[in-house]
Amino acid sequence: MKSERCPVCGYPDGLGPDERYQEICICCGVQCAYDDVRLPHAELRARWIAGGMKWWSRSQPPALDWNPETQLLQAFPMDHQ
């Protein structure tokens, strides 16, 4: 199992960079190799945060203990000090 995370929201999806191509993150809804072609990950992340860090997928609910703030801190510790 890989410990890769979404480069936008930090969700631990287990996908490596080569596997992420055109996948849509179930957490933030960003489609890699589409959305991130137009905007950098930091801008997409800022937009997700500004929008309330809402869970994107309607078919796969988040874990009961999912916390987007903790997720961001774990994935991007230098961005949130």
C-alpha atoms as a PDB file:
ATOM      1  CA  MET A   1       0.000   0.000   0.000  1.00  0.00           C
ATOM      2  CA  LYS A   2       1.386   3.358  -0.971  1.00  0.00           C
ATOM      3  CA  SER A   3       1.192   6.319   1.353  1.00  0.00           C
ATOM      4  CA  GLU A   4       0.472   8.799  -1.423  1.00  0.00           C
ATOM      5  CA  ARG A   5      -1.993  11.607  -0.880  1.00  0.00           C
ATOM      6  CA  CYS A   6      -4.023  13.891  -3.097  1.00  0.00           C
ATOM      7  CA  PRO A   7      -1.755  16.841  -3.939  1.00  0.00           C
ATOM      8  CA  VAL A   8      -4.629  19.263  -3.373  1.00  0.00           C
ATOM      9  CA  CYS A   9      -6.436  18.211  -0.192  1.00  0.00           C
ATOM     10  CA  GLY A  10      -4.036  15.633   1.239  1.00  0.00           C
ATOM     11  CA  TYR A  11      -6.562  12.785   1.273  1.00  0.00           C
ATOM     12  CA  PRO A  12      -4.625   9.504   1.622  1.00  0.00           C
ATOM     13  CA  ASP A  13      -5.826   7.805  -1.561  1.00  0.00           C
ATOM     14  CA  GLY A  14      -2.863   5.437  -1.938  1.00  0.00           C
ATOM     15  CA  LEU A  15      -2.263   6.467  -5.545  1.00  0.00           C
ATOM     16  CA  GLY A  16       1.170   7.244  -6.894  1.00  0.00           C
ATOM     17  CA  PRO A  17       1.761  10.105  -9.338  1.00  0.00           C
ATOM     18  CA  ASP A  18       1.530   7.780 -12.356  1.00  0.00           C
ATOM     19  CA  GLU A  19      -1.706   6.199 -11.068  1.00  0.00           C
ATOM     20  CA  ARG A  20      -3.357   9.525 -10.317  1.00  0.00           C
ATOM     21  CA  TYR A  21      -3.688  10.511 -13.983  1.00  0.00           C
ATOM     22  CA  GLN A  22      -7.272  11.658 -14.570  1.00  0.00           C
ATOM     23  CA  GLU A  23      -8.509  10.260 -11.257  1.00  0.00           C
ATOM     24  CA  ILE A  24     -10.997  12.403  -9.364  1.00  0.00           C
ATOM     25  CA  CYS A  25     -10.329  12.772  -5.655  1.00  0.00           C
ATOM     26  CA  ILE A  26     -13.303  11.569  -3.620  1.00  0.00           C
ATOM     27  CA  CYS A  27     -12.504  14.173  -0.978  1.00  0.00           C
ATOM     28  CA  CYS A  28     -11.988  17.466  -2.842  1.00  0.00           C
ATOM     29  CA  GLY A  29     -13.250  16.575  -6.329  1.00  0.00           C
ATOM     30  CA  VAL A  30     -10.118  17.671  -8.189  1.00  0.00           C
ATOM     31  CA  GLN A  31      -9.401  15.705 -11.350  1.00  0.00           C
ATOM     32  CA  CYS A  32      -5.668  15.314 -11.789  1.00  0.00           C
ATOM     33  CA  ALA A  33      -4.308  16.045 -15.253  1.00  0.00           C
ATOM     34  CA  TYR A  34      -7.343  18.244 -15.873  1.00  0.00           C
ATOM     35  CA  ASP A  35      -7.995  20.728 -13.070  1.00  0.00           C
ATOM     36  CA  ASP A  36      -4.319  21.000 -12.170  1.00  0.00           C
ATOM     37  CA  VAL A  37      -3.364  21.841 -15.744  1.00  0.00           C
ATOM     38  CA  ARG A  38      -5.209  25.144 -15.439  1.00  0.00           C
ATOM     39  CA  LEU A  39      -4.397  25.975 -11.806  1.00  0.00           C
ATOM     40  CA  PRO A  40      -1.560  24.998  -9.456  1.00  0.00           C
ATOM     41  CA  HIS A  41      -2.276  22.642  -6.555  1.00  0.00           C
ATOM     42  CA  ALA A  42      -1.880  25.454  -4.013  1.00  0.00           C
ATOM     43  CA  GLU A  43      -4.597  27.511  -5.717  1.00  0.00           C
ATOM     44  CA  LEU A  44      -6.939  24.515  -5.963  1.00  0.00           C
ATOM     45  CA  ARG A  45      -6.273  23.808  -2.283  1.00  0.00           C
ATOM     46  CA  ALA A  46      -7.021  27.435  -1.350  1.00  0.00           C
ATOM     47  CA  ARG A  47     -10.309  27.260  -3.263  1.00  0.00           C
ATOM     48  CA  TRP A  48     -11.289  24.000  -1.532  1.00  0.00           C
ATOM     49  CA  ILE A  49     -10.503  25.536   1.856  1.00  0.00           C
ATOM     50  CA  ALA A  50     -12.391  28.746   1.017  1.00  0.00           C
ATOM     51  CA  GLY A  51     -15.373  26.631  -0.029  1.00  0.00           C
ATOM     52  CA  GLY A  52     -15.563  25.033   3.416  1.00  0.00           C
ATOM     53  CA  MET A  53     -13.485  21.877   2.803  1.00  0.00           C
ATOM     54  CA  LYS A  54     -16.601  19.903   1.933  1.00  0.00           C
ATOM     55  CA  TRP A  55     -16.463  16.204   1.099  1.00  0.00           C
ATOM     56  CA  TRP A  56     -16.991  15.858  -2.651  1.00  0.00           C
ATOM     57  CA  SER A  57     -18.128  12.276  -3.318  1.00  0.00           C
ATOM     58  CA  ARG A  58     -21.802  11.478  -3.001  1.00  0.00           C
ATOM     59  CA  SER A  59     -21.309   7.739  -3.463  1.00  0.00           C
ATOM     60  CA  GLN A  60     -18.456   7.291  -0.958  1.00  0.00           C
ATOM     61  CA  PRO A  61     -19.063   9.104   2.314  1.00  0.00           C
ATOM     62  CA  PRO A  62     -16.131  10.144   4.489  1.00  0.00           C
ATOM     63  CA  ALA A  63     -15.092   8.116   7.512  1.00  0.00           C
ATOM     64  CA  LEU A  64     -17.034   9.085  10.624  1.00  0.00           C
ATOM     65  CA  ASP A  65     -13.877  10.522  12.157  1.00  0.00           C
ATOM     66  CA  TRP A  66     -12.787  12.408   8.995  1.00  0.00           C
ATOM     67  CA  ASN A  67     -11.419  15.824   9.807  1.00  0.00           C
ATOM     68  CA  PRO A  68     -10.291  17.970   6.860  1.00  0.00           C
ATOM     69  CA  GLU A  69      -8.188  20.275   9.047  1.00  0.00           C
ATOM     70  CA  THR A  70      -6.226  17.348  10.494  1.00  0.00           C
ATOM     71  CA  GLN A  71      -5.865  15.901   7.005  1.00  0.00           C
ATOM     72  CA  LEU A  72      -4.351  19.143   5.702  1.00  0.00           C
ATOM     73  CA  LEU A  73      -1.991  19.464   8.666  1.00  0.00           C
ATOM     74  CA  GLN A  74      -0.741  15.904   8.187  1.00  0.00           C
ATOM     75  CA  ALA A  75      -0.285  16.284   4.443  1.00  0.00           C
ATOM     76  CA  PHE A  76       1.091  19.835   4.312  1.00  0.00           C
ATOM     77  CA  PRO A  77       2.630  20.629   7.715  1.00  0.00           C
ATOM     78  CA  MET A  78       4.800  23.455   6.406  1.00  0.00           C
ATOM     79  CA  ASP A  79       1.813  25.256   4.850  1.00  0.00           C
ATOM     80  CA  HIS A  80      -0.121  25.464   8.123  1.00  0.00           C
ATOM     81  CA  GLN A  81       2.322  26.448  10.843  1.00  0.00           C
END
